[in-house]
PDB file of N, CA and C in Angstrom:
ATOM      1  N   UNK A   1      78.304 -26.811  56.043  1.00  0.00           N
ATOM      2  CA  UNK A   1      76.984 -27.256  56.446  1.00  0.00           C
ATOM      3  C   UNK A   1      76.378 -28.082  55.319  1.00  0.00           C
ATOM      4  N   UNK A   2      75.777 -29.207  55.671  1.00  0.00           N
ATOM      5  CA  UNK A   2      75.148 -30.046  54.654  1.00  0.00           C
ATOM      6  C   UNK A   2      73.857 -29.405  54.162  1.00  0.00           C
ATOM      7  N   UNK A   3      73.471 -29.750  52.951  1.00  0.00           N
ATOM      8  CA  UNK A   3      72.209 -29.236  52.409  1.00  0.00           C
ATOM      9  C   UNK A   3      71.198 -30.352  52.217  1.00  0.00           C
ATOM     10  N   UNK A   4      71.555 -31.549  52.650  1.00  0.00           N
ATOM     11  CA  UNK A   4      70.648 -32.679  52.555  1.00  0.00           C
ATOM     12  C   UNK A   4      69.678 -32.643  53.733  1.00  0.00           C
ATOM     13  N   UNK A   5      68.377 -32.707  53.476  1.00  0.00           N
ATOM     14  CA  UNK A   5      67.444 -32.709  54.607  1.00  0.00           C
ATOM     15  C   UNK A   5      67.722 -33.878  55.542  1.00  0.00           C
ATOM     16  N   UNK A   6      67.529 -33.636  56.801  1.00  0.00           N
ATOM     17  CA  UNK A   6      67.650 -34.669  57.825  1.00  0.00           C
ATOM     18  C   UNK A   6      66.290 -34.809  58.502  1.00  0.00           C
ATOM     19  N   UNK A   7      66.043 -35.993  58.981  1.00  0.00           N
ATOM     20  CA  UNK A   7      64.761 -36.272  59.592  1.00  0.00           C
ATOM     21  C   UNK A   7      64.962 -36.774  61.010  1.00  0.00           C
ATOM     22  N   UNK A   8      64.105 -36.322  61.895  1.00  0.00           N
ATOM     23  CA  UNK A   8      64.093 -36.816  63.258  1.00  0.00           C
ATOM     24  C   UNK A   8      62.764 -37.545  63.436  1.00  0.00           C
ATOM     25  N   UNK A   9      62.847 -38.780  63.862  1.00  0.00           N
ATOM     26  CA  UNK A   9      61.660 -39.593  64.064  1.00  0.00           C
ATOM     27  C   UNK A   9      61.467 -39.730  65.564  1.00  0.00           C
ATOM     28  N   UNK A  10      60.570 -38.961  66.113  1.00  0.00           N
ATOM     29  CA  UNK A  10      60.321 -38.953  67.544  1.00  0.00           C
ATOM     30  C   UNK A  10      59.337 -40.070  67.860  1.00  0.00           C
ATOM     31  N   UNK A  11      59.702 -40.938  68.789  1.00  0.00           N
ATOM     32  CA  UNK A  11      58.745 -41.914  69.290  1.00  0.00           C
ATOM     33  C   UNK A  11      58.614 -41.669  70.784  1.00  0.00           C
ATOM     34  N   UNK A  12      57.389 -41.634  71.258  1.00  0.00           N
ATOM     35  CA  UNK A  12      57.205 -41.279  72.663  1.00  0.00           C
ATOM     36  C   UNK A  12      55.903 -41.835  73.227  1.00  0.00           C
ATOM     37  N   UNK A  13      55.896 -41.868  74.533  1.00  0.00           N
ATOM     38  CA  UNK A  13      54.686 -42.161  75.282  1.00  0.00           C
ATOM     39  C   UNK A  13      54.306 -40.867  75.984  1.00  0.00           C
ATOM     40  N   UNK A  14      53.068 -40.468  75.859  1.00  0.00           N
ATOM     41  CA  UNK A  14      52.574 -39.259  76.498  1.00  0.00           C
ATOM     42  C   UNK A  14      51.753 -39.676  77.717  1.00  0.00           C
ATOM     43  N   UNK A  15      52.065 -39.087  78.866  1.00  0.00           N
ATOM     44  CA  UNK A  15      51.297 -39.377  80.080  1.00  0.00           C
ATOM     45  C   UNK A  15      50.049 -38.502  80.067  1.00  0.00           C
ATOM     46  N   UNK A  16      48.856 -39.096  79.903  1.00  0.00           N
ATOM     47  CA  UNK A  16      47.635 -38.296  79.788  1.00  0.00           C
ATOM     48  C   UNK A  16      47.278 -37.550  81.073  1.00  0.00           C
ATOM     49  N   UNK A  17      47.875 -37.913  82.188  1.00  0.00           N
ATOM     50  CA  UNK A  17      47.592 -37.207  83.439  1.00  0.00           C
ATOM     51  C   UNK A  17      48.464 -35.965  83.596  1.00  0.00           C
ATOM     52  N   UNK A  18      49.366 -35.734  82.656  1.00  0.00           N
ATOM     53  CA  UNK A  18      50.311 -34.621  82.750  1.00  0.00           C
ATOM     54  C   UNK A  18      50.080 -33.582  81.654  1.00  0.00           C
ATOM     55  N   UNK A  19      48.834 -33.181  81.472  1.00  0.00           N
ATOM     56  CA  UNK A  19      48.520 -32.262  80.373  1.00  0.00           C
ATOM     57  C   UNK A  19      49.211 -30.905  80.537  1.00  0.00           C
ATOM     58  N   UNK A  20      49.347 -30.402  81.746  1.00  0.00           N
ATOM     59  CA  UNK A  20      50.026 -29.117  81.948  1.00  0.00           C
ATOM     60  C   UNK A  20      51.508 -29.240  81.599  1.00  0.00           C
ATOM     61  N   UNK A  21      52.133 -30.341  81.995  1.00  0.00           N
ATOM     62  CA  UNK A  21      53.546 -30.567  81.671  1.00  0.00           C
ATOM     63  C   UNK A  21      53.718 -30.720  80.162  1.00  0.00           C
ATOM     64  N   UNK A  22      52.779 -31.396  79.506  1.00  0.00           N
ATOM     65  CA  UNK A  22      52.827 -31.560  78.054  1.00  0.00           C
ATOM     66  C   UNK A  22      52.748 -30.195  77.366  1.00  0.00           C
ATOM     67  N   UNK A  23      51.776 -29.387  77.758  1.00  0.00           N
ATOM     68  CA  UNK A  23      51.595 -28.064  77.165  1.00  0.00           C
ATOM     69  C   UNK A  23      52.833 -27.201  77.377  1.00  0.00           C
ATOM     70  N   UNK A  24      53.381 -27.228  78.567  1.00  0.00           N
ATOM     71  CA  UNK A  24      54.588 -26.465  78.884  1.00  0.00           C
ATOM     72  C   UNK A  24      55.749 -26.914  77.989  1.00  0.00           C
ATOM     73  N   UNK A  25      55.964 -28.210  77.893  1.00  0.00           N
ATOM     74  CA  UNK A  25      57.083 -28.749  77.117  1.00  0.00           C
ATOM     75  C   UNK A  25      56.959 -28.390  75.642  1.00  0.00           C
ATOM     76  N   UNK A  26      55.789 -28.593  75.081  1.00  0.00           N
ATOM     77  CA  UNK A  26      55.584 -28.312  73.661  1.00  0.00           C
ATOM     78  C   UNK A  26      55.713 -26.813  73.377  1.00  0.00           C
ATOM     79  N   UNK A  27      55.164 -25.983  74.242  1.00  0.00           N
ATOM     80  CA  UNK A  27      55.236 -24.534  73.999  1.00  0.00           C
ATOM     81  C   UNK A  27      56.673 -24.016  74.069  1.00  0.00           C
ATOM     82  N   UNK A  28      57.529 -24.666  74.857  1.00  0.00           N
ATOM     83  CA  UNK A  28      58.927 -24.251  74.935  1.00  0.00           C
ATOM     84  C   UNK A  28      59.772 -24.863  73.818  1.00  0.00           C
ATOM     85  N   UNK A  29      59.396 -26.025  73.332  1.00  0.00           N
ATOM     86  CA  UNK A  29      60.176 -26.693  72.282  1.00  0.00           C
ATOM     87  C   UNK A  29      59.904 -26.100  70.894  1.00  0.00           C
ATOM     88  N   UNK A  30      58.677 -25.694  70.640  1.00  0.00           N
ATOM     89  CA  UNK A  30      58.331 -25.191  69.297  1.00  0.00           C
ATOM     90  C   UNK A  30      59.232 -24.065  68.806  1.00  0.00           C
ATOM     91  N   UNK A  31      59.491 -23.027  69.606  1.00  0.00           N
ATOM     92  CA  UNK A  31      60.359 -21.953  69.105  1.00  0.00           C
ATOM     93  C   UNK A  31      61.787 -22.434  68.817  1.00  0.00           C
ATOM     94  N   UNK A  32      62.294 -23.343  69.632  1.00  0.00           N
ATOM     95  CA  UNK A  32      63.645 -23.869  69.418  1.00  0.00           C
ATOM     96  C   UNK A  32      63.697 -24.651  68.116  1.00  0.00           C
ATOM     97  N   UNK A  33      62.713 -25.516  67.905  1.00  0.00           N
ATOM     98  CA  UNK A  33      62.660 -26.310  66.678  1.00  0.00           C
ATOM     99  C   UNK A  33      62.488 -25.409  65.459  1.00  0.00           C
ATOM    100  N   UNK A  34      61.603 -24.443  65.565  1.00  0.00           N
ATOM    101  CA  UNK A  34      61.341 -23.532  64.452  1.00  0.00           C
ATOM    102  C   UNK A  34      62.538 -22.670  64.102  1.00  0.00           C
ATOM    103  N   UNK A  35      63.305 -22.244  65.106  1.00  0.00           N
ATOM    104  CA  UNK A  35      64.471 -21.388  64.867  1.00  0.00           C
ATOM    105  C   UNK A  35      65.548 -22.118  64.080  1.00  0.00           C
ATOM    106  N   UNK A  36      65.557 -23.436  64.142  1.00  0.00           N
ATOM    107  CA  UNK A  36      66.566 -24.207  63.415  1.00  0.00           C
ATOM    108  C   UNK A  36      66.047 -24.690  62.062  1.00  0.00           C
ATOM    109  N   UNK A  37      64.809 -24.331  61.739  1.00  0.00           N
ATOM    110  CA  UNK A  37      64.234 -24.757  60.469  1.00  0.00           C
ATOM    111  C   UNK A  37      63.503 -26.081  60.556  1.00  0.00           C
ATOM    112  N   UNK A  38      63.353 -26.602  61.774  1.00  0.00           N
ATOM    113  CA  UNK A  38      62.633 -27.864  61.940  1.00  0.00           C
ATOM    114  C   UNK A  38      61.141 -27.680  61.710  1.00  0.00           C
ATOM    115  N   UNK A  39      60.555 -28.653  61.038  1.00  0.00           N
ATOM    116  CA  UNK A  39      59.102 -28.577  60.818  1.00  0.00           C
ATOM    117  C   UNK A  39      58.513 -29.985  60.881  1.00  0.00           C
ATOM    118  N   UNK A  40      57.373 -30.112  61.540  1.00  0.00           N
ATOM    119  CA  UNK A  40      56.745 -31.429  61.617  1.00  0.00           C
ATOM    120  C   UNK A  40      56.145 -31.831  60.274  1.00  0.00           C
ATOM    121  N   UNK A  41      56.354 -33.070  59.902  1.00  0.00           N
ATOM    122  CA  UNK A  41      55.741 -33.607  58.683  1.00  0.00           C
ATOM    123  C   UNK A  41      54.505 -34.430  59.008  1.00  0.00           C
ATOM    124  N   UNK A  42      54.422 -34.921  60.217  1.00  0.00           N
ATOM    125  CA  UNK A  42      53.261 -35.704  60.605  1.00  0.00           C
ATOM    126  C   UNK A  42      53.366 -36.182  62.037  1.00  0.00           C
ATOM    127  N   UNK A  43      52.213 -36.372  62.652  1.00  0.00           N
ATOM    128  CA  UNK A  43      52.112 -36.908  64.006  1.00  0.00           C
ATOM    129  C   UNK A  43      51.080 -38.024  63.961  1.00  0.00           C
ATOM    130  N   UNK A  44      51.480 -39.150  64.455  1.00  0.00           N
ATOM    131  CA  UNK A  44      50.600 -40.309  64.392  1.00  0.00           C
ATOM    132  C   UNK A  44      50.545 -40.990  65.746  1.00  0.00           C
ATOM    133  N   UNK A  45      49.376 -41.400  66.151  1.00  0.00           N
ATOM    134  CA  UNK A  45      49.200 -42.139  67.391  1.00  0.00           C
ATOM    135  C   UNK A  45      48.638 -43.511  67.027  1.00  0.00           C
ATOM    136  N   UNK A  46      49.237 -44.540  67.598  1.00  0.00           N
ATOM    137  CA  UNK A  46      48.761 -45.897  67.323  1.00  0.00           C
ATOM    138  C   UNK A  46      47.352 -46.055  67.881  1.00  0.00           C
ATOM    139  N   UNK A  47      46.471 -46.583  67.065  1.00  0.00           N
ATOM    140  CA  UNK A  47      45.111 -46.860  67.515  1.00  0.00           C
ATOM    141  C   UNK A  47      45.021 -48.226  68.171  1.00  0.00           C
ATOM    142  N   UNK A  48      45.875 -49.130  67.715  1.00  0.00           N
ATOM    143  CA  UNK A  48      45.935 -50.463  68.299  1.00  0.00           C
ATOM    144  C   UNK A  48      47.306 -51.048  67.997  1.00  0.00           C
ATOM    145  N   UNK A  49      47.673 -52.059  68.740  1.00  0.00           N
ATOM    146  CA  UNK A  49      48.943 -52.735  68.534  1.00  0.00           C
ATOM    147  C   UNK A  49      48.643 -54.117  67.977  1.00  0.00           C
ATOM    148  N   UNK A  50      49.121 -54.386  66.768  1.00  0.00           N
ATOM    149  CA  UNK A  50      48.831 -55.643  66.103  1.00  0.00           C
ATOM    150  C   UNK A  50      49.836 -56.733  66.460  1.00  0.00           C
ATOM    151  N   UNK A  51      51.038 -56.325  66.849  1.00  0.00           N
ATOM    152  CA  UNK A  51      52.063 -57.292  67.218  1.00  0.00           C
ATOM    153  C   UNK A  51      53.041 -56.619  68.169  1.00  0.00           C
ATOM    154  N   UNK A  52      53.444 -57.290  69.208  1.00  0.00           N
ATOM    155  CA  UNK A  52      54.403 -56.733  70.149  1.00  0.00           C
ATOM    156  C   UNK A  52      53.751 -55.810  71.147  1.00  0.00           C
ATOM    157  N   UNK A  53      54.606 -55.044  71.846  1.00  0.00           N
ATOM    158  CA  UNK A  53      54.124 -54.113  72.857  1.00  0.00           C
ATOM    159  C   UNK A  53      54.406 -52.684  72.404  1.00  0.00           C
ATOM    160  N   UNK A  54      53.473 -51.808  72.615  1.00  0.00           N
ATOM    161  CA  UNK A  54      53.625 -50.414  72.202  1.00  0.00           C
ATOM    162  C   UNK A  54      54.150 -49.597  73.374  1.00  0.00           C
ATOM    163  N   UNK A  55      55.484 -49.533  73.494  1.00  0.00           N
ATOM    164  CA  UNK A  55      56.080 -48.698  74.531  1.00  0.00           C
ATOM    165  C   UNK A  55      56.021 -47.227  74.142  1.00  0.00           C
ATOM    166  N   UNK A  56      56.003 -46.950  72.857  1.00  0.00           N
ATOM    167  CA  UNK A  56      55.988 -45.574  72.372  1.00  0.00           C
ATOM    168  C   UNK A  56      54.929 -45.442  71.275  1.00  0.00           C
ATOM    169  N   UNK A  57      53.675 -45.271  71.670  1.00  0.00           N
ATOM    170  CA  UNK A  57      52.592 -45.267  70.676  1.00  0.00           C
ATOM    171  C   UNK A  57      52.470 -44.006  69.827  1.00  0.00           C
ATOM    172  N   UNK A  58      53.215 -42.948  70.141  1.00  0.00           N
ATOM    173  CA  UNK A  58      53.155 -41.729  69.337  1.00  0.00           C
ATOM    174  C   UNK A  58      54.415 -41.614  68.490  1.00  0.00           C
ATOM    175  N   UNK A  59      54.230 -41.241  67.236  1.00  0.00           N
ATOM    176  CA  UNK A  59      55.356 -41.044  66.319  1.00  0.00           C
ATOM    177  C   UNK A  59      55.188 -39.673  65.665  1.00  0.00           C
ATOM    178  N   UNK A  60      56.258 -38.884  65.711  1.00  0.00           N
ATOM    179  CA  UNK A  60      56.266 -37.575  65.082  1.00  0.00           C
ATOM    180  C   UNK A  60      57.469 -37.551  64.140  1.00  0.00           C
ATOM    181  N   UNK A  61      57.245 -37.228  62.886  1.00  0.00           N
ATOM    182  CA  UNK A  61      58.336 -37.129  61.920  1.00  0.00           C
ATOM    183  C   UNK A  61      58.587 -35.652  61.671  1.00  0.00           C
ATOM    184  N   UNK A  62      59.849 -35.248  61.863  1.00  0.00           N
ATOM    185  CA  UNK A  62      60.224 -33.852  61.655  1.00  0.00           C
ATOM    186  C   UNK A  62      61.323 -33.765  60.611  1.00  0.00           C
ATOM    187  N   UNK A  63      61.261 -32.732  59.796  1.00  0.00           N
ATOM    188  CA  UNK A  63      62.287 -32.481  58.788  1.00  0.00           C
ATOM    189  C   UNK A  63      63.097 -31.254  59.197  1.00  0.00           C
ATOM    190  N   UNK A  64      64.406 -31.349  59.012  1.00  0.00           N
ATOM    191  CA  UNK A  64      65.321 -30.246  59.280  1.00  0.00           C
ATOM    192  C   UNK A  64      66.151 -29.997  58.029  1.00  0.00           C
ATOM    193  N   UNK A  65      66.608 -28.776  57.835  1.00  0.00           N
ATOM    194  CA  UNK A  65      67.362 -28.485  56.621  1.00  0.00           C
ATOM    195  C   UNK A  65      68.752 -29.124  56.589  1.00  0.00           C
ATOM    196  N   UNK A  66      69.262 -29.542  57.748  1.00  0.00           N
ATOM    197  CA  UNK A  66      70.607 -30.105  57.793  1.00  0.00           C
ATOM    198  C   UNK A  66      70.832 -30.856  59.097  1.00  0.00           C
ATOM    199  N   UNK A  67      71.892 -31.612  59.134  1.00  0.00           N
ATOM    200  CA  UNK A  67      72.323 -32.296  60.355  1.00  0.00           C
ATOM    201  C   UNK A  67      72.645 -31.262  61.440  1.00  0.00           C
ATOM    202  N   UNK A  68      73.291 -30.176  61.026  1.00  0.00           N
ATOM    203  CA  UNK A  68      73.667 -29.131  61.968  1.00  0.00           C
ATOM    204  C   UNK A  68      72.443 -28.486  62.619  1.00  0.00           C
ATOM    205  N   UNK A  69      71.345 -28.405  61.883  1.00  0.00           N
ATOM    206  CA  UNK A  69      70.121 -27.827  62.443  1.00  0.00           C
ATOM    207  C   UNK A  69      69.592 -28.695  63.583  1.00  0.00           C
ATOM    208  N   UNK A  70      69.626 -30.011  63.411  1.00  0.00           N
ATOM    209  CA  UNK A  70      69.189 -30.903  64.497  1.00  0.00           C
ATOM    210  C   UNK A  70      70.140 -30.761  65.678  1.00  0.00           C
ATOM    211  N   UNK A  71      71.422 -30.724  65.408  1.00  0.00           N
ATOM    212  CA  UNK A  71      72.401 -30.590  66.488  1.00  0.00           C
ATOM    213  C   UNK A  71      72.210 -29.277  67.248  1.00  0.00           C
ATOM    214  N   UNK A  72      71.804 -28.226  66.542  1.00  0.00           N
ATOM    215  CA  UNK A  72      71.575 -26.926  67.178  1.00  0.00           C
ATOM    216  C   UNK A  72      70.430 -26.989  68.185  1.00  0.00           C
ATOM    217  N   UNK A  73      69.418 -27.791  67.897  1.00  0.00           N
ATOM    218  CA  UNK A  73      68.308 -27.945  68.845  1.00  0.00           C
ATOM    219  C   UNK A  73      68.833 -28.459  70.174  1.00  0.00           C
ATOM    220  N   UNK A  74      69.638 -29.510  70.107  1.00  0.00           N
ATOM    221  CA  UNK A  74      70.092 -30.153  71.330  1.00  0.00           C
ATOM    222  C   UNK A  74      71.236 -29.408  72.005  1.00  0.00           C
ATOM    223  N   UNK A  75      71.872 -28.472  71.292  1.00  0.00           N
ATOM    224  CA  UNK A  75      72.909 -27.632  71.880  1.00  0.00           C
ATOM    225  C   UNK A  75      72.317 -26.379  72.530  1.00  0.00           C
ATOM    226  N   UNK A  76      71.084 -26.054  72.192  1.00  0.00           N
ATOM    227  CA  UNK A  76      70.440 -24.859  72.722  1.00  0.00           C
ATOM    228  C   UNK A  76      70.303 -24.980  74.249  1.00  0.00           C
ATOM    229  N   UNK A  77      70.817 -23.999  75.002  1.00  0.00           N
ATOM    230  CA  UNK A  77      70.723 -24.072  76.463  1.00  0.00           C
ATOM    231  C   UNK A  77      69.295 -24.226  76.979  1.00  0.00           C
ATOM    232  N   UNK A  78      68.336 -23.646  76.268  1.00  0.00           N
ATOM    233  CA  UNK A  78      66.936 -23.776  76.699  1.00  0.00           C
ATOM    234  C   UNK A  78      66.440 -25.213  76.569  1.00  0.00           C
ATOM    235  N   UNK A  79      66.980 -25.967  75.604  1.00  0.00           N
ATOM    236  CA  UNK A  79      66.595 -27.373  75.465  1.00  0.00           C
ATOM    237  C   UNK A  79      67.451 -28.244  76.371  1.00  0.00           C
ATOM    238  N   UNK A  80      68.706 -27.884  76.557  1.00  0.00           N
ATOM    239  CA  UNK A  80      69.629 -28.657  77.383  1.00  0.00           C
ATOM    240  C   UNK A  80      69.210 -28.692  78.849  1.00  0.00           C
ATOM    241  N   UNK A  81      68.618 -27.611  79.318  1.00  0.00           N
ATOM    242  CA  UNK A  81      68.260 -27.533  80.731  1.00  0.00           C
ATOM    243  C   UNK A  81      67.402 -28.732  81.121  1.00  0.00           C
ATOM    244  N   UNK A  82      67.739 -29.366  82.243  1.00  0.00           N
ATOM    245  CA  UNK A  82      66.900 -30.488  82.688  1.00  0.00           C
ATOM    246  C   UNK A  82      65.460 -30.000  82.831  1.00  0.00           C
ATOM    247  N   UNK A  83      64.557 -30.779  82.335  1.00  0.00           N
ATOM    248  CA  UNK A  83      63.168 -30.358  82.350  1.00  0.00           C
ATOM    249  C   UNK A  83      62.290 -31.391  83.045  1.00  0.00           C
ATOM    250  N   UNK A  84      61.903 -31.103  84.287  1.00  0.00           N
ATOM    251  CA  UNK A  84      60.980 -32.015  84.968  1.00  0.00           C
ATOM    252  C   UNK A  84      59.655 -32.146  84.203  1.00  0.00           C
ATOM    253  N   UNK A  85      59.243 -31.051  83.536  1.00  0.00           N
ATOM    254  CA  UNK A  85      57.991 -31.105  82.770  1.00  0.00           C
ATOM    255  C   UNK A  85      58.119 -32.078  81.608  1.00  0.00           C
ATOM    256  N   UNK A  86      59.248 -32.047  80.900  1.00  0.00           N
ATOM    257  CA  UNK A  86      59.467 -32.970  79.776  1.00  0.00           C
ATOM    258  C   UNK A  86      59.458 -34.418  80.257  1.00  0.00           C
ATOM    259  N   UNK A  87      60.135 -34.673  81.371  1.00  0.00           N
ATOM    260  CA  UNK A  87      60.188 -36.025  81.923  1.00  0.00           C
ATOM    261  C   UNK A  87      58.801 -36.503  82.359  1.00  0.00           C
ATOM    262  N   UNK A  88      58.006 -35.599  82.909  1.00  0.00           N
ATOM    263  CA  UNK A  88      56.656 -35.972  83.352  1.00  0.00           C
ATOM    264  C   UNK A  88      55.722 -36.205  82.165  1.00  0.00           C
ATOM    265  N   UNK A  89      55.803 -35.332  81.167  1.00  0.00           N
ATOM    266  CA  UNK A  89      54.910 -35.426  80.010  1.00  0.00           C
ATOM    267  C   UNK A  89      55.228 -36.616  79.131  1.00  0.00           C
ATOM    268  N   UNK A  90      56.523 -36.938  79.014  1.00  0.00           N
ATOM    269  CA  UNK A  90      56.973 -38.012  78.119  1.00  0.00           C
ATOM    270  C   UNK A  90      57.785 -39.046  78.901  1.00  0.00           C
ATOM    271  N   UNK A  91      57.122 -40.017  79.524  1.00  0.00           N
ATOM    272  CA  UNK A  91      57.859 -41.036  80.273  1.00  0.00           C
ATOM    273  C   UNK A  91      58.837 -41.826  79.401  1.00  0.00           C
ATOM    274  N   UNK A  92      58.530 -41.958  78.119  1.00  0.00           N
ATOM    275  CA  UNK A  92      59.442 -42.592  77.157  1.00  0.00           C
ATOM    276  C   UNK A  92      59.578 -41.647  75.978  1.00  0.00           C
ATOM    277  N   UNK A  93      60.839 -41.373  75.625  1.00  0.00           N
ATOM    278  CA  UNK A  93      61.101 -40.439  74.534  1.00  0.00           C
ATOM    279  C   UNK A  93      62.368 -40.878  73.821  1.00  0.00           C
ATOM    280  N   UNK A  94      62.256 -41.142  72.525  1.00  0.00           N
ATOM    281  CA  UNK A  94      63.391 -41.550  71.703  1.00  0.00           C
ATOM    282  C   UNK A  94      63.451 -40.609  70.509  1.00  0.00           C
ATOM    283  N   UNK A  95      64.651 -40.078  70.207  1.00  0.00           N
ATOM    284  CA  UNK A  95      64.808 -39.071  69.161  1.00  0.00           C
ATOM    285  C   UNK A  95      65.907 -39.454  68.177  1.00  0.00           C
ATOM    286  N   UNK A  96      65.718 -40.491  67.367  1.00  0.00           N
ATOM    287  CA  UNK A  96      66.741 -40.811  66.370  1.00  0.00           C
ATOM    288  C   UNK A  96      66.680 -39.839  65.190  1.00  0.00           C
ATOM    289  N   UNK A  97      67.842 -39.618  64.568  1.00  0.00           N
ATOM    290  CA  UNK A  97      67.928 -38.740  63.400  1.00  0.00           C
ATOM    291  C   UNK A  97      68.590 -39.502  62.262  1.00  0.00           C
ATOM    292  N   UNK A  98      68.201 -39.171  61.017  1.00  0.00           N
ATOM    293  CA  UNK A  98      68.707 -39.930  59.882  1.00  0.00           C
ATOM    294  C   UNK A  98      68.628 -39.127  58.592  1.00  0.00           C
ATOM    295  N   UNK A  99      69.573 -39.406  57.684  1.00  0.00           N
ATOM    296  CA  UNK A  99      69.441 -38.887  56.325  1.00  0.00           C
ATOM    297  C   UNK A  99      68.940 -39.987  55.410  1.00  0.00           C
ATOM    298  N   UNK A 100      69.090 -41.222  55.841  1.00  0.00           N
ATOM    299  CA  UNK A 100      68.713 -42.334  54.964  1.00  0.00           C
ATOM    300  C   UNK A 100      67.214 -42.589  54.965  1.00  0.00           C
ATOM    301  N   UNK A 101      66.501 -42.065  55.959  1.00  0.00           N
ATOM    302  CA  UNK A 101      65.051 -42.213  56.004  1.00  0.00           C
ATOM    303  C   UNK A 101      64.435 -40.936  55.476  1.00  0.00           C
ATOM    304  N   UNK A 102      63.711 -41.037  54.399  1.00  0.00           N
ATOM    305  CA  UNK A 102      63.041 -39.883  53.838  1.00  0.00           C
ATOM    306  C   UNK A 102      61.578 -40.245  53.642  1.00  0.00           C
ATOM    307  N   UNK A 103      60.702 -39.806  54.545  1.00  0.00           N
ATOM    308  CA  UNK A 103      59.289 -40.202  54.440  1.00  0.00           C
ATOM    309  C   UNK A 103      58.639 -39.708  53.168  1.00  0.00           C
ATOM    310  N   UNK A 104      59.175 -38.654  52.567  1.00  0.00           N
ATOM    311  CA  UNK A 104      58.586 -38.147  51.319  1.00  0.00           C
ATOM    312  C   UNK A 104      58.717 -39.157  50.194  1.00  0.00           C
ATOM    313  N   UNK A 105      59.787 -39.977  50.232  1.00  0.00           N
ATOM    314  CA  UNK A 105      59.992 -40.979  49.196  1.00  0.00           C
ATOM    315  C   UNK A 105      58.976 -42.105  49.298  1.00  0.00           C
ATOM    316  N   UNK A 106      58.390 -42.275  50.477  1.00  0.00           N
ATOM    317  CA  UNK A 106      57.411 -43.354  50.657  1.00  0.00           C
ATOM    318  C   UNK A 106      55.994 -42.931  50.298  1.00  0.00           C
ATOM    319  N   UNK A 107      55.791 -41.642  50.099  1.00  0.00           N
ATOM    320  CA  UNK A 107      54.449 -41.141  49.783  1.00  0.00           C
ATOM    321  C   UNK A 107      54.189 -41.341  48.297  1.00  0.00           C
ATOM    322  N   UNK A 108      53.109 -41.997  48.002  1.00  0.00           N
ATOM    323  CA  UNK A 108      52.753 -42.284  46.626  1.00  0.00           C
ATOM    324  C   UNK A 108      51.496 -41.499  46.277  1.00  0.00           C
ATOM    325  N   UNK A 109      51.528 -40.810  45.177  1.00  0.00           N
ATOM    326  CA  UNK A 109      50.352 -40.057  44.745  1.00  0.00           C
ATOM    327  C   UNK A 109      49.254 -41.032  44.324  1.00  0.00           C
ATOM    328  N   UNK A 110      48.055 -40.715  44.745  1.00  0.00           N
ATOM    329  CA  UNK A 110      46.904 -41.578  44.432  1.00  0.00           C
ATOM    330  C   UNK A 110      46.367 -41.279  43.059  1.00  0.00           C
TER     331      UNK A 110
END
């Protein structure tokens, strides 16, 4: 198992008319993410789009202790199960993972 932190950069569109589906999806995902050591580092919503089109205005950066921890999330049967609530809450959802992106390295102390 690797000991290098891995990061998942979630980009998504949240359907504001699907608040119950959103709540359901998040409440079921949190224990799975937490059991693998995943923790959110930040959640950001675009306030405006300065260039291009914002297909995914929400960005969530998550840190995991290893590549295997991220893989465990997606191997978990509870996450694997097709989820109509997830599809309704997040019409667009992209989940790239990387070791080369480390948001902590970009943070500069003031």
